[in-house]
């Protein structure tokens, strides 16, 4: 469990289209085997400490003739942002993915001084 140590709690959220590979024959649509798409997300302002980040797919467009295999995660989470990562594998054909995210964490207090 993450304990928030401040009375200032921030919530940031957004959406990001990771790819649209069916338009140009990209690897998620035409490839096979392990594949990944990664995008850096920056928060609207920095958190005091590393926040909790939750990601989900808000839109997915996949070929109906293959199995749907998908993994979406937040990686490399920092005070200023994170990497949004979508993975698929085997013969799955993924045309498009849009992801939603929310980050919750401590905010800096302008009245607190950091002396050392």
N, C-alpha and C. Protein backbone atom coordinates (compact mmCIF):
# COMPACT_ATOMS: atom_id res chain seq x y z
N UNK A 1 0.84 -1.17 0.00
CA UNK A 1 0.00 0.00 0.00
C UNK A 1 0.89 1.24 0.00
N UNK A 2 0.53 2.20 -0.82
CA UNK A 2 1.25 3.47 -0.84
C UNK A 2 0.58 4.42 0.15
N UNK A 3 1.37 4.95 1.08
CA UNK A 3 0.86 5.93 2.04
C UNK A 3 1.24 7.32 1.55
N UNK A 4 0.27 8.21 1.50
CA UNK A 4 0.51 9.58 1.11
C UNK A 4 0.87 10.38 2.35
N UNK A 5 1.99 11.09 2.31
CA UNK A 5 2.50 11.78 3.49
C UNK A 5 2.20 13.27 3.46
N UNK A 6 1.30 13.69 2.64
CA UNK A 6 1.02 15.11 2.50
C UNK A 6 -0.48 15.34 2.52
N UNK A 7 -0.87 16.53 2.93
CA UNK A 7 -2.27 16.90 2.82
C UNK A 7 -2.58 17.37 1.40
N UNK A 8 -1.54 17.53 0.59
CA UNK A 8 -1.70 17.93 -0.81
C UNK A 8 -1.60 16.70 -1.70
N UNK A 9 -2.73 16.23 -2.19
CA UNK A 9 -2.77 15.06 -3.05
C UNK A 9 -3.15 15.51 -4.46
N UNK A 10 -2.39 15.06 -5.42
CA UNK A 10 -2.66 15.42 -6.82
C UNK A 10 -3.16 14.24 -7.61
N UNK A 11 -4.05 14.53 -8.55
CA UNK A 11 -4.55 13.53 -9.49
C UNK A 11 -4.37 14.10 -10.88
N UNK A 12 -3.66 13.38 -11.74
CA UNK A 12 -3.49 13.77 -13.13
C UNK A 12 -4.01 12.62 -13.97
N UNK A 13 -4.54 12.93 -15.13
CA UNK A 13 -5.07 11.86 -15.99
C UNK A 13 -4.98 12.28 -17.44
N UNK A 14 -5.10 11.28 -18.33
CA UNK A 14 -5.06 11.58 -19.74
C UNK A 14 -5.29 10.34 -20.58
N UNK A 15 -5.22 10.55 -21.89
CA UNK A 15 -5.34 9.47 -22.88
C UNK A 15 -4.24 9.65 -23.91
N UNK A 16 -3.82 8.55 -24.50
CA UNK A 16 -2.79 8.61 -25.53
C UNK A 16 -3.03 7.50 -26.54
N UNK A 17 -3.06 7.86 -27.82
CA UNK A 17 -3.09 6.85 -28.88
C UNK A 17 -1.66 6.37 -29.07
N UNK A 18 -1.44 5.08 -28.86
CA UNK A 18 -0.08 4.53 -28.95
C UNK A 18 0.35 4.29 -30.38
N UNK A 19 -0.56 3.80 -31.20
CA UNK A 19 -0.24 3.55 -32.60
C UNK A 19 -1.52 3.34 -33.39
N UNK A 20 -1.38 3.45 -34.70
CA UNK A 20 -2.47 3.16 -35.64
C UNK A 20 -1.83 2.44 -36.82
N UNK A 21 -1.39 1.20 -36.59
CA UNK A 21 -0.54 0.47 -37.53
C UNK A 21 -1.26 -0.05 -38.78
N UNK A 22 -2.56 -0.15 -38.77
CA UNK A 22 -3.25 -0.65 -39.96
C UNK A 22 -3.15 0.34 -41.11
N UNK A 23 -2.97 1.62 -40.81
CA UNK A 23 -2.91 2.65 -41.84
C UNK A 23 -1.66 2.55 -42.71
N UNK A 24 -0.55 2.16 -42.10
CA UNK A 24 0.71 2.11 -42.86
C UNK A 24 1.39 0.75 -42.83
N UNK A 25 0.65 -0.30 -42.44
CA UNK A 25 1.23 -1.64 -42.43
C UNK A 25 2.29 -1.82 -41.37
N UNK A 26 2.11 -1.16 -40.23
CA UNK A 26 3.09 -1.24 -39.15
C UNK A 26 3.18 -2.62 -38.54
N UNK A 27 4.19 -2.79 -37.70
CA UNK A 27 4.55 -4.09 -37.13
C UNK A 27 3.45 -4.71 -36.27
N UNK A 28 2.69 -3.92 -35.54
CA UNK A 28 1.62 -4.48 -34.71
C UNK A 28 0.52 -5.11 -35.58
N UNK A 29 0.35 -4.62 -36.79
CA UNK A 29 -0.68 -5.12 -37.69
C UNK A 29 -0.15 -6.23 -38.59
N UNK A 30 1.08 -6.14 -39.04
CA UNK A 30 1.61 -7.10 -40.01
C UNK A 30 2.59 -8.10 -39.41
N UNK A 31 3.14 -7.82 -38.24
CA UNK A 31 4.18 -8.66 -37.66
C UNK A 31 3.63 -9.86 -36.89
N UNK A 32 4.56 -10.71 -36.46
CA UNK A 32 4.24 -11.84 -35.59
C UNK A 32 5.30 -11.89 -34.49
N UNK A 33 5.03 -12.72 -33.49
CA UNK A 33 5.97 -12.84 -32.39
C UNK A 33 5.83 -11.69 -31.41
N UNK A 34 6.76 -11.57 -30.45
CA UNK A 34 6.68 -10.52 -29.45
C UNK A 34 6.88 -9.13 -30.08
N UNK A 35 5.99 -8.21 -29.75
CA UNK A 35 6.07 -6.84 -30.25
C UNK A 35 5.65 -5.89 -29.15
N UNK A 36 6.20 -4.69 -29.16
CA UNK A 36 5.87 -3.70 -28.14
C UNK A 36 5.83 -2.30 -28.74
N UNK A 37 4.98 -1.48 -28.15
CA UNK A 37 4.93 -0.06 -28.49
C UNK A 37 5.05 0.70 -27.19
N UNK A 38 5.90 1.72 -27.18
CA UNK A 38 6.21 2.45 -25.95
C UNK A 38 6.08 3.95 -26.23
N UNK A 39 5.47 4.68 -25.29
CA UNK A 39 5.37 6.14 -25.41
C UNK A 39 5.61 6.76 -24.04
N UNK A 40 6.35 7.84 -24.00
CA UNK A 40 6.60 8.56 -22.75
C UNK A 40 5.43 9.50 -22.49
N UNK A 41 4.92 9.48 -21.25
CA UNK A 41 3.85 10.37 -20.82
C UNK A 41 4.44 11.30 -19.76
N UNK A 42 4.23 12.59 -19.93
CA UNK A 42 4.68 13.57 -18.94
C UNK A 42 3.47 14.10 -18.17
N UNK A 43 3.61 14.17 -16.85
CA UNK A 43 2.56 14.72 -16.02
C UNK A 43 2.47 16.22 -16.25
N UNK A 44 1.31 16.80 -15.94
CA UNK A 44 1.14 18.24 -16.13
C UNK A 44 1.99 19.05 -15.15
N UNK A 45 2.33 18.46 -14.01
CA UNK A 45 3.31 19.03 -13.08
C UNK A 45 3.90 17.88 -12.28
N UNK A 46 5.03 18.13 -11.64
CA UNK A 46 5.73 17.08 -10.90
C UNK A 46 5.04 16.75 -9.59
N UNK A 47 5.13 15.49 -9.21
CA UNK A 47 4.68 15.04 -7.90
C UNK A 47 5.84 15.18 -6.91
N UNK A 48 5.54 15.17 -5.62
CA UNK A 48 6.56 15.23 -4.57
C UNK A 48 7.34 13.91 -4.50
N UNK A 49 6.63 12.81 -4.66
CA UNK A 49 7.25 11.48 -4.67
C UNK A 49 6.64 10.70 -5.84
N UNK A 50 7.15 9.54 -6.09
CA UNK A 50 6.66 8.74 -7.22
C UNK A 50 5.20 8.37 -6.99
N UNK A 51 4.30 8.73 -7.93
CA UNK A 51 2.87 8.47 -7.74
C UNK A 51 2.50 7.04 -8.10
N UNK A 52 1.28 6.69 -7.79
CA UNK A 52 0.68 5.44 -8.25
C UNK A 52 0.06 5.73 -9.61
N UNK A 53 0.32 4.87 -10.60
CA UNK A 53 -0.21 5.07 -11.94
C UNK A 53 -1.01 3.84 -12.35
N UNK A 54 -2.21 4.07 -12.85
CA UNK A 54 -3.08 3.01 -13.36
C UNK A 54 -3.32 3.27 -14.85
N UNK A 55 -3.13 2.24 -15.67
CA UNK A 55 -3.38 2.38 -17.11
C UNK A 55 -4.41 1.35 -17.56
N UNK A 56 -5.13 1.69 -18.62
CA UNK A 56 -6.10 0.76 -19.20
C UNK A 56 -6.28 1.10 -20.67
N UNK A 57 -6.80 0.15 -21.42
CA UNK A 57 -7.09 0.42 -22.83
C UNK A 57 -8.47 1.06 -22.92
N UNK A 58 -8.55 2.22 -23.54
CA UNK A 58 -9.83 2.90 -23.72
C UNK A 58 -10.38 2.66 -25.13
N UNK A 59 -9.53 2.20 -26.03
CA UNK A 59 -9.98 1.80 -27.38
C UNK A 59 -8.98 0.77 -27.91
N UNK A 60 -9.53 -0.32 -28.42
CA UNK A 60 -8.67 -1.28 -29.09
C UNK A 60 -9.37 -1.76 -30.34
N UNK A 61 -8.59 -1.95 -31.38
CA UNK A 61 -9.08 -2.37 -32.68
C UNK A 61 -8.18 -3.53 -33.10
N UNK A 62 -8.75 -4.75 -33.09
CA UNK A 62 -7.96 -5.95 -33.37
C UNK A 62 -8.64 -6.78 -34.45
N UNK A 63 -7.83 -7.54 -35.17
CA UNK A 63 -8.33 -8.42 -36.21
C UNK A 63 -9.19 -9.52 -35.59
N UNK A 64 -10.33 -9.79 -36.18
CA UNK A 64 -11.24 -10.80 -35.64
C UNK A 64 -10.79 -12.23 -35.96
N UNK A 65 -9.82 -12.40 -36.87
CA UNK A 65 -9.40 -13.73 -37.28
C UNK A 65 -8.27 -14.32 -36.44
N UNK A 66 -7.69 -13.50 -35.56
CA UNK A 66 -6.60 -14.01 -34.71
C UNK A 66 -6.96 -13.83 -33.24
N UNK A 67 -6.24 -14.52 -32.38
CA UNK A 67 -6.47 -14.38 -30.94
C UNK A 67 -6.10 -12.97 -30.48
N UNK A 68 -6.84 -12.48 -29.49
CA UNK A 68 -6.57 -11.17 -28.91
C UNK A 68 -5.63 -11.35 -27.74
N UNK A 69 -4.40 -10.90 -27.91
CA UNK A 69 -3.39 -10.99 -26.85
C UNK A 69 -2.89 -9.58 -26.58
N UNK A 70 -3.01 -9.14 -25.35
CA UNK A 70 -2.62 -7.76 -25.04
C UNK A 70 -2.14 -7.64 -23.60
N UNK A 71 -1.14 -6.81 -23.42
CA UNK A 71 -0.64 -6.47 -22.10
C UNK A 71 -0.33 -4.98 -22.13
N UNK A 72 -0.84 -4.23 -21.16
CA UNK A 72 -0.57 -2.79 -21.09
C UNK A 72 -0.11 -2.46 -19.68
N UNK A 73 0.98 -1.67 -19.58
CA UNK A 73 1.58 -1.38 -18.28
C UNK A 73 2.17 0.02 -18.25
N UNK A 74 2.32 0.54 -17.03
CA UNK A 74 3.11 1.75 -16.79
C UNK A 74 4.47 1.28 -16.29
N UNK A 75 5.52 1.73 -16.94
CA UNK A 75 6.89 1.36 -16.55
C UNK A 75 7.71 2.63 -16.35
N UNK A 76 8.81 2.51 -15.65
CA UNK A 76 9.73 3.62 -15.42
C UNK A 76 9.01 4.85 -14.87
N UNK A 77 8.18 4.62 -13.86
CA UNK A 77 7.41 5.72 -13.27
C UNK A 77 8.36 6.61 -12.46
N UNK A 78 8.24 7.92 -12.69
CA UNK A 78 9.03 8.91 -11.95
C UNK A 78 8.11 10.01 -11.45
N UNK A 79 8.67 11.02 -10.83
CA UNK A 79 7.88 12.15 -10.34
C UNK A 79 7.31 12.98 -11.49
N UNK A 80 7.91 12.86 -12.67
CA UNK A 80 7.51 13.72 -13.80
C UNK A 80 6.76 12.99 -14.91
N UNK A 81 6.75 11.65 -14.89
CA UNK A 81 6.06 10.92 -15.95
C UNK A 81 6.32 9.42 -15.89
N UNK A 82 5.96 8.73 -16.96
CA UNK A 82 6.13 7.27 -17.02
C UNK A 82 6.12 6.83 -18.48
N UNK A 83 6.53 5.59 -18.71
CA UNK A 83 6.45 4.97 -20.04
C UNK A 83 5.18 4.14 -20.10
N UNK A 84 4.36 4.40 -21.09
CA UNK A 84 3.14 3.63 -21.36
C UNK A 84 3.53 2.56 -22.38
N UNK A 85 3.37 1.27 -22.01
CA UNK A 85 3.87 0.18 -22.84
C UNK A 85 2.74 -0.80 -23.16
N UNK A 86 2.54 -1.06 -24.46
CA UNK A 86 1.59 -2.07 -24.92
C UNK A 86 2.39 -3.19 -25.56
N UNK A 87 2.03 -4.43 -25.23
CA UNK A 87 2.70 -5.59 -25.82
C UNK A 87 1.67 -6.57 -26.36
N UNK A 88 2.05 -7.24 -27.43
CA UNK A 88 1.29 -8.37 -27.95
C UNK A 88 2.29 -9.41 -28.42
N UNK A 89 1.80 -10.59 -28.83
CA UNK A 89 2.70 -11.67 -29.22
C UNK A 89 1.96 -12.63 -30.13
N UNK A 90 2.72 -13.62 -30.61
CA UNK A 90 2.23 -14.67 -31.52
C UNK A 90 1.63 -14.03 -32.77
N UNK A 91 0.46 -14.51 -33.20
CA UNK A 91 -0.10 -14.03 -34.47
C UNK A 91 -1.14 -12.92 -34.30
N UNK A 92 -1.27 -12.35 -33.11
CA UNK A 92 -2.26 -11.30 -32.88
C UNK A 92 -2.00 -10.11 -33.81
N UNK A 93 -3.09 -9.59 -34.38
CA UNK A 93 -3.00 -8.43 -35.28
C UNK A 93 -3.75 -7.28 -34.63
N UNK A 94 -2.98 -6.25 -34.27
CA UNK A 94 -3.54 -5.10 -33.56
C UNK A 94 -3.47 -3.88 -34.48
N UNK A 95 -4.63 -3.32 -34.78
CA UNK A 95 -4.68 -2.17 -35.67
C UNK A 95 -4.40 -0.86 -34.93
N UNK A 96 -5.08 -0.66 -33.81
CA UNK A 96 -4.95 0.59 -33.05
C UNK A 96 -5.15 0.34 -31.57
N UNK A 97 -4.47 1.17 -30.78
CA UNK A 97 -4.65 1.14 -29.32
C UNK A 97 -4.65 2.59 -28.81
N UNK A 98 -5.64 2.89 -27.99
CA UNK A 98 -5.64 4.15 -27.23
C UNK A 98 -5.72 3.77 -25.76
N UNK A 99 -4.88 4.38 -24.96
CA UNK A 99 -4.82 4.06 -23.53
C UNK A 99 -5.23 5.26 -22.70
N UNK A 100 -5.88 4.99 -21.57
CA UNK A 100 -6.20 6.00 -20.57
C UNK A 100 -5.31 5.75 -19.36
N UNK A 101 -4.99 6.81 -18.65
CA UNK A 101 -4.16 6.66 -17.45
C UNK A 101 -4.59 7.66 -16.38
N UNK A 102 -4.28 7.31 -15.14
CA UNK A 102 -4.51 8.19 -14.00
C UNK A 102 -3.33 8.01 -13.04
N UNK A 103 -2.85 9.13 -12.51
CA UNK A 103 -1.75 9.13 -11.55
C UNK A 103 -2.22 9.85 -10.29
N UNK A 104 -1.92 9.25 -9.12
CA UNK A 104 -2.31 9.83 -7.84
C UNK A 104 -1.09 9.83 -6.92
N UNK A 105 -0.81 10.97 -6.34
CA UNK A 105 0.34 11.04 -5.45
C UNK A 105 0.45 12.35 -4.70
N UNK A 106 1.47 12.43 -3.84
CA UNK A 106 1.76 13.64 -3.06
C UNK A 106 2.19 14.78 -3.98
N UNK A 107 1.75 15.98 -3.64
CA UNK A 107 2.20 17.18 -4.34
C UNK A 107 3.17 17.96 -3.45
N UNK A 108 4.09 18.69 -4.06
CA UNK A 108 4.99 19.52 -3.25
C UNK A 108 4.20 20.64 -2.56
N UNK A 109 4.59 20.97 -1.36
CA UNK A 109 3.97 22.06 -0.61
C UNK A 109 4.88 23.27 -0.76
N UNK A 110 4.37 24.35 -1.33
CA UNK A 110 5.17 25.54 -1.58
C UNK A 110 5.68 26.17 -0.28
N UNK A 111 5.04 25.87 0.84
CA UNK A 111 5.45 26.46 2.11
C UNK A 111 6.49 25.61 2.85
N UNK A 112 6.79 24.42 2.36
CA UNK A 112 7.82 23.58 2.98
C UNK A 112 9.17 23.94 2.39
N UNK A 113 10.15 24.06 3.23
CA UNK A 113 11.49 24.39 2.78
C UNK A 113 12.36 23.15 2.83
N UNK A 114 13.21 23.01 1.86
CA UNK A 114 14.18 21.91 1.86
C UNK A 114 15.55 22.54 2.12
N UNK A 115 16.08 22.35 3.33
CA UNK A 115 17.32 23.00 3.71
C UNK A 115 18.56 22.24 3.27
N UNK A 116 18.48 20.92 3.21
CA UNK A 116 19.67 20.15 2.88
C UNK A 116 19.41 19.25 1.72
